Amino acid sequence: QVQLVESGGGLVHTGVSLSLSCVLTGRTFSNYAMGWFRQAPGKERECVAAISRSGATTYYADSMKGRFTISRDNAKSTVYLQMSSLKPEDTAVYYCTARAAFPGTVLRRVDDYTNWGQGTQVTVSS
């Protein structure tokens, strides 16, 4: 079965950069479309970014465009989220997610995904 383990969260100040990583084990990583979601207290879980199996196609939520970059290394079974110019409103638990999918597929909705990591806290102080 698929297991996802995130790492890289922490407490940072406004304007700095932070990188998250997520390793998938148990299945062939390159068969999975991947995504990063986040959930702030009292808010719904939202898609931050998503990436296709090969990494050729990506999606970003509007508020993340130009600040966040999703990428993947299929040889390392790892998906990354590089976050820059962080703001206090980026404070949330960030979740890695995966779904076996056809090539080129990018999935944006919570219900699209069947596998979730435990989450990693990102806190941005002003």
Foldseek 3Di string as FASTA:
>chain_A
DKAKAKDWADEEAAFAKTKMKIAIDDDQLLQKKKFKWWDDPPDDIFTAKTAFSVRPDMDGDPVQPPFWDWGDDSVRRMIMIIGGRDDQVVWTWMKMFIDRDDGPDIDTDPVVTDDIHPTDTHGYHD
